[in-house]
PDB file of N, CA and C in Angstrom:
ATOM      1  N   UNK A   1     116.152  91.391  84.742  1.00  0.00           N
ATOM      2  CA  UNK A   1     114.507  91.210  83.453  1.00  0.00           C
ATOM      3  C   UNK A   1     114.604  89.895  83.773  1.00  0.00           C
ATOM      4  N   UNK A   2     115.327  89.036  84.449  1.00  0.00           N
ATOM      5  CA  UNK A   2     115.143  87.475  85.405  1.00  0.00           C
ATOM      6  C   UNK A   2     113.754  87.188  85.761  1.00  0.00           C
ATOM      7  N   UNK A   3     113.472  88.169  86.959  1.00  0.00           N
ATOM      8  CA  UNK A   3     112.364  88.445  87.621  1.00  0.00           C
ATOM      9  C   UNK A   3     111.284  88.706  87.493  1.00  0.00           C
ATOM     10  N   UNK A   4     110.868  89.431  85.579  1.00  0.00           N
ATOM     11  CA  UNK A   4     110.133  89.194  84.937  1.00  0.00           C
ATOM     12  C   UNK A   4     109.497  87.361  84.187  1.00  0.00           C
ATOM     13  N   UNK A   5     110.861  87.487  84.224  1.00  0.00           N
ATOM     14  CA  UNK A   5     111.051  85.815  83.526  1.00  0.00           C
ATOM     15  C   UNK A   5     109.655  84.588  84.061  1.00  0.00           C
ATOM     16  N   UNK A   6     111.021  84.985  85.517  1.00  0.00           N
ATOM     17  CA  UNK A   6     110.120  84.500  86.619  1.00  0.00           C
ATOM     18  C   UNK A   6     108.559  84.460  86.612  1.00  0.00           C
ATOM     19  N   UNK A   7     108.443  85.667  86.899  1.00  0.00           N
ATOM     20  CA  UNK A   7     107.160  85.949  87.607  1.00  0.00           C
ATOM     21  C   UNK A   7     105.562  85.590  86.018  1.00  0.00           C
ATOM     22  N   UNK A   8     106.563  85.429  84.815  1.00  0.00           N
ATOM     23  CA  UNK A   8     105.581  85.527  83.528  1.00  0.00           C
ATOM     24  C   UNK A   8     105.856  83.589  83.400  1.00  0.00           C
ATOM     25  N   UNK A   9     106.303  83.582  84.139  1.00  0.00           N
ATOM     26  CA  UNK A   9     106.672  81.357  84.370  1.00  0.00           C
ATOM     27  C   UNK A   9     104.842  80.908  85.095  1.00  0.00           C
ATOM     28  N   UNK A  10     104.895  81.731  85.732  1.00  0.00           N
ATOM     29  CA  UNK A  10     103.558  81.261  85.970  1.00  0.00           C
ATOM     30  C   UNK A  10     102.170  80.911  85.520  1.00  0.00           C
ATOM     31  N   UNK A  11     101.160  80.276  84.815  1.00  0.00           N
ATOM     32  CA  UNK A  11      99.798  80.952  84.684  1.00  0.00           C
ATOM     33  C   UNK A  11      98.595  81.474  85.699  1.00  0.00           C
ATOM     34  N   UNK A  12      99.006  81.709  86.172  1.00  0.00           N
ATOM     35  CA  UNK A  12      98.222  82.226  87.467  1.00  0.00           C
ATOM     36  C   UNK A  12      98.406  83.515  86.883  1.00  0.00           C
ATOM     37  N   UNK A  13      99.898  84.338  86.769  1.00  0.00           N
ATOM     38  CA  UNK A  13      99.945  85.562  86.724  1.00  0.00           C
ATOM     39  C   UNK A  13      99.872  86.173  85.160  1.00  0.00           C
ATOM     40  N   UNK A  14     100.575  85.360  85.013  1.00  0.00           N
ATOM     41  CA  UNK A  14     100.384  85.364  83.038  1.00  0.00           C
ATOM     42  C   UNK A  14      98.347  85.400  82.791  1.00  0.00           C
ATOM     43  N   UNK A  15      97.811  84.847  83.591  1.00  0.00           N
ATOM     44  CA  UNK A  15      96.044  85.157  83.415  1.00  0.00           C
ATOM     45  C   UNK A  15      96.109  86.857  84.659  1.00  0.00           C
ATOM     46  N   UNK A  16      96.318  86.889  85.897  1.00  0.00           N
ATOM     47  CA  UNK A  16      96.560  88.238  86.477  1.00  0.00           C
ATOM     48  C   UNK A  16      96.761  89.077  85.144  1.00  0.00           C
ATOM     49  N   UNK A  17      98.091  89.313  84.692  1.00  0.00           N
ATOM     50  CA  UNK A  17      98.431  90.479  83.453  1.00  0.00           C
ATOM     51  C   UNK A  17      97.443  90.443  82.252  1.00  0.00           C
ATOM     52  N   UNK A  18      97.059  89.253  82.072  1.00  0.00           N
ATOM     53  CA  UNK A  18      96.076  89.530  80.805  1.00  0.00           C
ATOM     54  C   UNK A  18      94.303  90.153  81.455  1.00  0.00           C
ATOM     55  N   UNK A  19      94.171  89.628  82.954  1.00  0.00           N
ATOM     56  CA  UNK A  19      92.777  90.959  83.188  1.00  0.00           C
ATOM     57  C   UNK A  19      93.144  92.062  82.912  1.00  0.00           C
ATOM     58  N   UNK A  20      94.277  92.255  83.808  1.00  0.00           N
ATOM     59  CA  UNK A  20      94.812  93.960  83.253  1.00  0.00           C
ATOM     60  C   UNK A  20      95.073  94.490  82.330  1.00  0.00           C
ATOM     61  N   UNK A  21      95.007  93.601  81.277  1.00  0.00           N
ATOM     62  CA  UNK A  21      94.545  94.751  80.056  1.00  0.00           C
ATOM     63  C   UNK A  21      93.555  95.079  79.863  1.00  0.00           C
ATOM     64  N   UNK A  22      92.339  94.885  81.073  1.00  0.00           N
ATOM     65  CA  UNK A  22      91.363  95.828  80.660  1.00  0.00           C
ATOM     66  C   UNK A  22      90.886  97.545  81.560  1.00  0.00           C
ATOM     67  N   UNK A  23      92.241  96.681  82.047  1.00  0.00           N
ATOM     68  CA  UNK A  23      92.342  98.864  83.163  1.00  0.00           C
ATOM     69  C   UNK A  23      92.494  98.249  84.734  1.00  0.00           C
ATOM     70  N   UNK A  24      93.250  99.505  85.553  1.00  0.00           N
ATOM     71  CA  UNK A  24      92.998  99.477  86.179  1.00  0.00           C
ATOM     72  C   UNK A  24      92.592  98.530  87.588  1.00  0.00           C
ATOM     73  N   UNK A  25      92.682  97.307  88.091  1.00  0.00           N
ATOM     74  CA  UNK A  25      91.712  96.618  88.905  1.00  0.00           C
ATOM     75  C   UNK A  25      92.699  96.583  90.544  1.00  0.00           C
ATOM     76  N   UNK A  26      91.681  96.197  91.122  1.00  0.00           N
ATOM     77  CA  UNK A  26      91.895  96.132  92.529  1.00  0.00           C
ATOM     78  C   UNK A  26      91.654  95.170  93.418  1.00  0.00           C
ATOM     79  N   UNK A  27      93.196  94.857  94.542  1.00  0.00           N
ATOM     80  CA  UNK A  27      92.967  93.488  94.518  1.00  0.00           C
ATOM     81  C   UNK A  27      91.521  92.394  94.624  1.00  0.00           C
ATOM     82  N   UNK A  28      90.524  92.683  95.166  1.00  0.00           N
ATOM     83  CA  UNK A  28      89.500  92.552  95.087  1.00  0.00           C
ATOM     84  C   UNK A  28      88.697  92.014  94.053  1.00  0.00           C
ATOM     85  N   UNK A  29      88.687  92.647  93.129  1.00  0.00           N
ATOM     86  CA  UNK A  29      88.223  92.443  91.683  1.00  0.00           C
ATOM     87  C   UNK A  29      89.303  91.694  91.271  1.00  0.00           C
ATOM     88  N   UNK A  30      90.520  91.807  91.272  1.00  0.00           N
ATOM     89  CA  UNK A  30      91.074  90.829  90.574  1.00  0.00           C
ATOM     90  C   UNK A  30      91.071  88.630  91.333  1.00  0.00           C
ATOM     91  N   UNK A  31      90.961  89.644  93.311  1.00  0.00           N
ATOM     92  CA  UNK A  31      91.072  87.816  93.015  1.00  0.00           C
ATOM     93  C   UNK A  31      89.146  86.815  92.924  1.00  0.00           C
ATOM     94  N   UNK A  32      88.460  87.872  92.152  1.00  0.00           N
ATOM     95  CA  UNK A  32      87.376  87.375  92.290  1.00  0.00           C
ATOM     96  C   UNK A  32      87.091  86.388  91.095  1.00  0.00           C
ATOM     97  N   UNK A  33      88.403  86.888  90.218  1.00  0.00           N
ATOM     98  CA  UNK A  33      88.604  86.039  88.685  1.00  0.00           C
ATOM     99  C   UNK A  33      89.388  84.824  89.023  1.00  0.00           C
ATOM    100  N   UNK A  34      89.625  84.111  90.353  1.00  0.00           N
ATOM    101  CA  UNK A  34      90.422  83.349  90.231  1.00  0.00           C
ATOM    102  C   UNK A  34      89.782  82.559  91.925  1.00  0.00           C
ATOM    103  N   UNK A  35      89.966  81.474  91.774  1.00  0.00           N
ATOM    104  CA  UNK A  35      89.875  80.549  92.631  1.00  0.00           C
ATOM    105  C   UNK A  35      91.147  80.154  93.601  1.00  0.00           C
ATOM    106  N   UNK A  36      91.030  81.152  94.303  1.00  0.00           N
ATOM    107  CA  UNK A  36      92.236  81.139  95.490  1.00  0.00           C
ATOM    108  C   UNK A  36      91.969  82.603  96.615  1.00  0.00           C
ATOM    109  N   UNK A  37      92.556  81.866  97.859  1.00  0.00           N
ATOM    110  CA  UNK A  37      92.459  83.359  98.979  1.00  0.00           C
ATOM    111  C   UNK A  37      93.541  84.218  98.253  1.00  0.00           C
ATOM    112  N   UNK A  38      92.629  85.897  98.628  1.00  0.00           N
ATOM    113  CA  UNK A  38      93.200  86.725  98.702  1.00  0.00           C
ATOM    114  C   UNK A  38      95.057  87.022  99.380  1.00  0.00           C
ATOM    115  N   UNK A  39      95.428  86.008 100.182  1.00  0.00           N
ATOM    116  CA  UNK A  39      96.697  85.934 100.627  1.00  0.00           C
ATOM    117  C   UNK A  39      97.486  85.650  99.726  1.00  0.00           C
ATOM    118  N   UNK A  40      96.902  84.299  98.832  1.00  0.00           N
ATOM    119  CA  UNK A  40      97.399  83.882  97.221  1.00  0.00           C
ATOM    120  C   UNK A  40      98.106  85.331  96.419  1.00  0.00           C
ATOM    121  N   UNK A  41      96.553  86.029  96.386  1.00  0.00           N
ATOM    122  CA  UNK A  41      96.299  87.030  94.985  1.00  0.00           C
ATOM    123  C   UNK A  41      97.411  87.519  95.407  1.00  0.00           C
ATOM    124  N   UNK A  42      97.721  88.292  96.600  1.00  0.00           N
ATOM    125  CA  UNK A  42      98.056  89.263  96.756  1.00  0.00           C
ATOM    126  C   UNK A  42      99.772  88.683  96.635  1.00  0.00           C
ATOM    127  N   UNK A  43     100.455  87.556  96.845  1.00  0.00           N
ATOM    128  CA  UNK A  43     102.285  86.870  96.821  1.00  0.00           C
ATOM    129  C   UNK A  43     102.021  87.737  94.854  1.00  0.00           C
ATOM    130  N   UNK A  44     100.946  86.807  94.923  1.00  0.00           N
ATOM    131  CA  UNK A  44     101.276  86.556  92.960  1.00  0.00           C
ATOM    132  C   UNK A  44     101.123  88.015  92.610  1.00  0.00           C
ATOM    133  N   UNK A  45     100.511  88.986  92.970  1.00  0.00           N
ATOM    134  CA  UNK A  45     100.665  90.636  93.097  1.00  0.00           C
ATOM    135  C   UNK A  45     102.210  90.725  93.585  1.00  0.00           C
ATOM    136  N   UNK A  46     102.593  90.386  94.479  1.00  0.00           N
ATOM    137  CA  UNK A  46     103.545  91.369  94.711  1.00  0.00           C
ATOM    138  C   UNK A  46     104.908  90.508  93.983  1.00  0.00           C
ATOM    139  N   UNK A  47     105.021  89.310  93.643  1.00  0.00           N
ATOM    140  CA  UNK A  47     105.653  89.518  92.499  1.00  0.00           C
ATOM    141  C   UNK A  47     105.910  89.539  90.914  1.00  0.00           C
ATOM    142  N   UNK A  48     104.779  90.200  90.403  1.00  0.00           N
ATOM    143  CA  UNK A  48     104.888  90.549  89.806  1.00  0.00           C
ATOM    144  C   UNK A  48     105.145  92.537  89.338  1.00  0.00           C
ATOM    145  N   UNK A  49     105.179  92.979  90.967  1.00  0.00           N
ATOM    146  CA  UNK A  49     105.256  94.240  91.222  1.00  0.00           C
ATOM    147  C   UNK A  49     107.062  94.475  91.094  1.00  0.00           C
ATOM    148  N   UNK A  50     106.935  93.088  91.625  1.00  0.00           N
ATOM    149  CA  UNK A  50     108.948  92.919  91.943  1.00  0.00           C
ATOM    150  C   UNK A  50     109.642  92.945  90.874  1.00  0.00           C
ATOM    151  N   UNK A  51     109.447  92.162  89.617  1.00  0.00           N
ATOM    152  CA  UNK A  51     109.018  91.942  88.058  1.00  0.00           C
ATOM    153  C   UNK A  51     109.262  93.208  87.705  1.00  0.00           C
ATOM    154  N   UNK A  52     108.112  94.383  88.162  1.00  0.00           N
ATOM    155  CA  UNK A  52     107.919  95.734  87.345  1.00  0.00           C
ATOM    156  C   UNK A  52     107.213  95.468  86.103  1.00  0.00           C
ATOM    157  N   UNK A  53     106.230  94.298  86.033  1.00  0.00           N
ATOM    158  CA  UNK A  53     105.523  93.910  85.134  1.00  0.00           C
ATOM    159  C   UNK A  53     103.606  94.788  85.411  1.00  0.00           C
ATOM    160  N   UNK A  54     104.070  95.359  87.101  1.00  0.00           N
ATOM    161  CA  UNK A  54     101.852  96.015  86.960  1.00  0.00           C
ATOM    162  C   UNK A  54     103.045  97.248  88.076  1.00  0.00           C
ATOM    163  N   UNK A  55     102.096  97.972  88.268  1.00  0.00           N
ATOM    164  CA  UNK A  55     102.076  98.897  89.279  1.00  0.00           C
ATOM    165  C   UNK A  55     101.106  98.967  90.088  1.00  0.00           C
ATOM    166  N   UNK A  56     101.313  99.322  91.714  1.00  0.00           N
ATOM    167  CA  UNK A  56     100.430  99.477  92.234  1.00  0.00           C
ATOM    168  C   UNK A  56     100.385 101.170  92.685  1.00  0.00           C
ATOM    169  N   UNK A  57      98.682 101.202  93.441  1.00  0.00           N
ATOM    170  CA  UNK A  57      98.594 103.019  93.289  1.00  0.00           C
ATOM    171  C   UNK A  57      97.386 103.019  94.222  1.00  0.00           C
ATOM    172  N   UNK A  58      97.777 103.762  95.642  1.00  0.00           N
ATOM    173  CA  UNK A  58      97.207 103.774  96.682  1.00  0.00           C
ATOM    174  C   UNK A  58      95.265 104.817  95.893  1.00  0.00           C
ATOM    175  N   UNK A  59      94.203 104.600  96.451  1.00  0.00           N
ATOM    176  CA  UNK A  59      93.354 105.900  95.917  1.00  0.00           C
ATOM    177  C   UNK A  59      92.379 105.314  96.909  1.00  0.00           C
ATOM    178  N   UNK A  60      92.584 105.537  97.926  1.00  0.00           N
ATOM    179  CA  UNK A  60      91.574 105.505  99.268  1.00  0.00           C
ATOM    180  C   UNK A  60      91.880 104.483  99.867  1.00  0.00           C
ATOM    181  N   UNK A  61      91.025 103.036 100.214  1.00  0.00           N
ATOM    182  CA  UNK A  61      91.284 102.246 100.932  1.00  0.00           C
ATOM    183  C   UNK A  61      91.822 101.017 100.663  1.00  0.00           C
ATOM    184  N   UNK A  62      91.849 101.405  98.775  1.00  0.00           N
ATOM    185  CA  UNK A  62      92.131 100.209  97.655  1.00  0.00           C
ATOM    186  C   UNK A  62      93.568 100.412  97.449  1.00  0.00           C
ATOM    187  N   UNK A  63      94.300  99.584  97.278  1.00  0.00           N
ATOM    188  CA  UNK A  63      95.687  99.750  96.059  1.00  0.00           C
ATOM    189  C   UNK A  63      94.536  99.079  94.275  1.00  0.00           C
ATOM    190  N   UNK A  64      95.187 100.682  94.289  1.00  0.00           N
ATOM    191  CA  UNK A  64      94.528  99.269  92.268  1.00  0.00           C
ATOM    192  C   UNK A  64      96.181  99.765  91.587  1.00  0.00           C
ATOM    193  N   UNK A  65      95.876  98.123  90.776  1.00  0.00           N
ATOM    194  CA  UNK A  65      97.571  97.787  90.295  1.00  0.00           C
ATOM    195  C   UNK A  65      97.024  97.729  88.801  1.00  0.00           C
ATOM    196  N   UNK A  66      97.598  98.218  87.749  1.00  0.00           N
ATOM    197  CA  UNK A  66      98.044  98.215  86.152  1.00  0.00           C
ATOM    198  C   UNK A  66      99.011  97.601  85.761  1.00  0.00           C
ATOM    199  N   UNK A  67      99.272  97.587  83.871  1.00  0.00           N
ATOM    200  CA  UNK A  67      99.922  97.301  83.666  1.00  0.00           C
ATOM    201  C   UNK A  67     101.437  98.048  83.543  1.00  0.00           C
ATOM    202  N   UNK A  68     102.515  97.806  83.677  1.00  0.00           N
ATOM    203  CA  UNK A  68     103.422  99.031  83.869  1.00  0.00           C
ATOM    204  C   UNK A  68     103.992  98.845  82.407  1.00  0.00           C
ATOM    205  N   UNK A  69     104.100  99.906  82.041  1.00  0.00           N
ATOM    206  CA  UNK A  69     104.379  99.525  80.487  1.00  0.00           C
ATOM    207  C   UNK A  69     106.259  99.426  80.389  1.00  0.00           C
ATOM    208  N   UNK A  70     106.498  99.616  80.672  1.00  0.00           N
ATOM    209  CA  UNK A  70     108.418  99.523  81.307  1.00  0.00           C
ATOM    210  C   UNK A  70     108.873  98.993  81.371  1.00  0.00           C
ATOM    211  N   UNK A  71     108.372  97.961  82.230  1.00  0.00           N
ATOM    212  CA  UNK A  71     108.313  96.150  82.372  1.00  0.00           C
ATOM    213  C   UNK A  71     108.713  95.432  81.306  1.00  0.00           C
ATOM    214  N   UNK A  72     107.249  95.907  80.590  1.00  0.00           N
ATOM    215  CA  UNK A  72     106.902  94.580  79.200  1.00  0.00           C
ATOM    216  C   UNK A  72     107.676  94.897  77.847  1.00  0.00           C
ATOM    217  N   UNK A  73     108.212  96.426  77.948  1.00  0.00           N
ATOM    218  CA  UNK A  73     109.566  97.406  76.948  1.00  0.00           C
ATOM    219  C   UNK A  73     110.180  96.252  76.654  1.00  0.00           C
ATOM    220  N   UNK A  74     110.974  96.117  78.589  1.00  0.00           N
ATOM    221  CA  UNK A  74     112.267  95.648  78.741  1.00  0.00           C
ATOM    222  C   UNK A  74     112.905  94.177  77.529  1.00  0.00           C
ATOM    223  N   UNK A  75     111.433  93.352  78.388  1.00  0.00           N
ATOM    224  CA  UNK A  75     110.725  92.551  77.381  1.00  0.00           C
ATOM    225  C   UNK A  75     110.822  91.840  75.782  1.00  0.00           C
ATOM    226  N   UNK A  76     109.992  92.977  75.451  1.00  0.00           N
ATOM    227  CA  UNK A  76     109.645  93.261  74.306  1.00  0.00           C
ATOM    228  C   UNK A  76     111.133  93.435  73.280  1.00  0.00           C
ATOM    229  N   UNK A  77     112.226  94.307  73.959  1.00  0.00           N
ATOM    230  CA  UNK A  77     113.489  94.401  73.221  1.00  0.00           C
ATOM    231  C   UNK A  77     114.106  93.277  73.821  1.00  0.00           C
ATOM    232  N   UNK A  78     114.263  92.855  74.160  1.00  0.00           N
ATOM    233  CA  UNK A  78     114.662  91.151  74.550  1.00  0.00           C
ATOM    234  C   UNK A  78     114.442  90.643  73.491  1.00  0.00           C
ATOM    235  N   UNK A  79     113.629  90.153  73.272  1.00  0.00           N
ATOM    236  CA  UNK A  79     113.075  89.755  72.290  1.00  0.00           C
ATOM    237  C   UNK A  79     113.167  89.977  70.710  1.00  0.00           C
ATOM    238  N   UNK A  80     112.993  91.574  70.416  1.00  0.00           N
ATOM    239  CA  UNK A  80     113.293  92.391  69.340  1.00  0.00           C
ATOM    240  C   UNK A  80     114.485  91.234  68.807  1.00  0.00           C
ATOM    241  N   UNK A  81     115.809  91.697  69.719  1.00  0.00           N
ATOM    242  CA  UNK A  81     116.614  91.053  69.513  1.00  0.00           C
ATOM    243  C   UNK A  81     116.925  90.346  69.130  1.00  0.00           C
ATOM    244  N   UNK A  82     116.415  88.820  68.982  1.00  0.00           N
ATOM    245  CA  UNK A  82     116.126  87.531  68.251  1.00  0.00           C
ATOM    246  C   UNK A  82     115.520  87.686  66.955  1.00  0.00           C
ATOM    247  N   UNK A  83     114.290  88.216  67.343  1.00  0.00           N
ATOM    248  CA  UNK A  83     113.173  88.663  65.866  1.00  0.00           C
ATOM    249  C   UNK A  83     114.247  89.255  64.796  1.00  0.00           C
ATOM    250  N   UNK A  84     115.288  89.606  65.256  1.00  0.00           N
ATOM    251  CA  UNK A  84     116.263  90.521  63.825  1.00  0.00           C
ATOM    252  C   UNK A  84     116.608  89.858  63.268  1.00  0.00           C
ATOM    253  N   UNK A  85     117.351  88.755  63.724  1.00  0.00           N
ATOM    254  CA  UNK A  85     117.375  87.209  63.092  1.00  0.00           C
ATOM    255  C   UNK A  85     116.396  86.424  61.861  1.00  0.00           C
ATOM    256  N   UNK A  86     115.166  86.693  61.776  1.00  0.00           N
ATOM    257  CA  UNK A  86     114.165  85.688  61.370  1.00  0.00           C
ATOM    258  C   UNK A  86     113.654  86.646  60.044  1.00  0.00           C
ATOM    259  N   UNK A  87     113.262  85.951  59.407  1.00  0.00           N
ATOM    260  CA  UNK A  87     112.065  86.601  58.323  1.00  0.00           C
ATOM    261  C   UNK A  87     111.117  86.368  58.335  1.00  0.00           C
ATOM    262  N   UNK A  88     109.982  87.300  59.272  1.00  0.00           N
ATOM    263  CA  UNK A  88     109.022  86.657  59.208  1.00  0.00           C
ATOM    264  C   UNK A  88     107.701  87.468  58.065  1.00  0.00           C
ATOM    265  N   UNK A  89     106.296  86.345  57.973  1.00  0.00           N
ATOM    266  CA  UNK A  89     105.976  86.740  56.778  1.00  0.00           C
ATOM    267  C   UNK A  89     104.817  88.056  57.195  1.00  0.00           C
ATOM    268  N   UNK A  90     104.887  88.629  56.091  1.00  0.00           N
ATOM    269  CA  UNK A  90     104.187  89.836  56.401  1.00  0.00           C
ATOM    270  C   UNK A  90     102.088  90.086  57.011  1.00  0.00           C
ATOM    271  N   UNK A  91     101.692  90.196  57.944  1.00  0.00           N
ATOM    272  CA  UNK A  91     100.212  90.340  58.234  1.00  0.00           C
ATOM    273  C   UNK A  91      99.610  90.996  56.552  1.00  0.00           C
ATOM    274  N   UNK A  92      98.260  89.864  56.448  1.00  0.00           N
ATOM    275  CA  UNK A  92      97.827  90.655  55.119  1.00  0.00           C
ATOM    276  C   UNK A  92      96.609  90.732  55.993  1.00  0.00           C
ATOM    277  N   UNK A  93      96.180  91.683  55.543  1.00  0.00           N
ATOM    278  CA  UNK A  93      95.602  93.382  55.613  1.00  0.00           C
ATOM    279  C   UNK A  93      93.856  92.410  54.757  1.00  0.00           C
ATOM    280  N   UNK A  94      93.321  92.416  55.557  1.00  0.00           N
ATOM    281  CA  UNK A  94      91.681  92.371  55.064  1.00  0.00           C
ATOM    282  C   UNK A  94      90.838  93.178  54.972  1.00  0.00           C
ATOM    283  N   UNK A  95      90.790  93.490  54.288  1.00  0.00           N
ATOM    284  CA  UNK A  95      89.413  94.796  53.765  1.00  0.00           C
ATOM    285  C   UNK A  95      87.890  94.354  53.440  1.00  0.00           C
TER     286      UNK A  95
END
């Protein structure tokens, strides 16, 4: 889990994760969203893969990146361990 926290500590990697919420994207599509070199984007993607926050699947000549549910489940469970010690207001339902 240490790798996951290191990965999400960087604003660019958080933005990549948010972009991937739209669905799988290849490296070129991701790079277009940022003002940085493709090698820099590749480095960020590699750290996110190592942290098991994204998956990479080769389709033809492209690698498609997507969110990895298992990586986020472990972070979620860790935070849930803290959340059980607090009382949070129930969300109001708007009709």
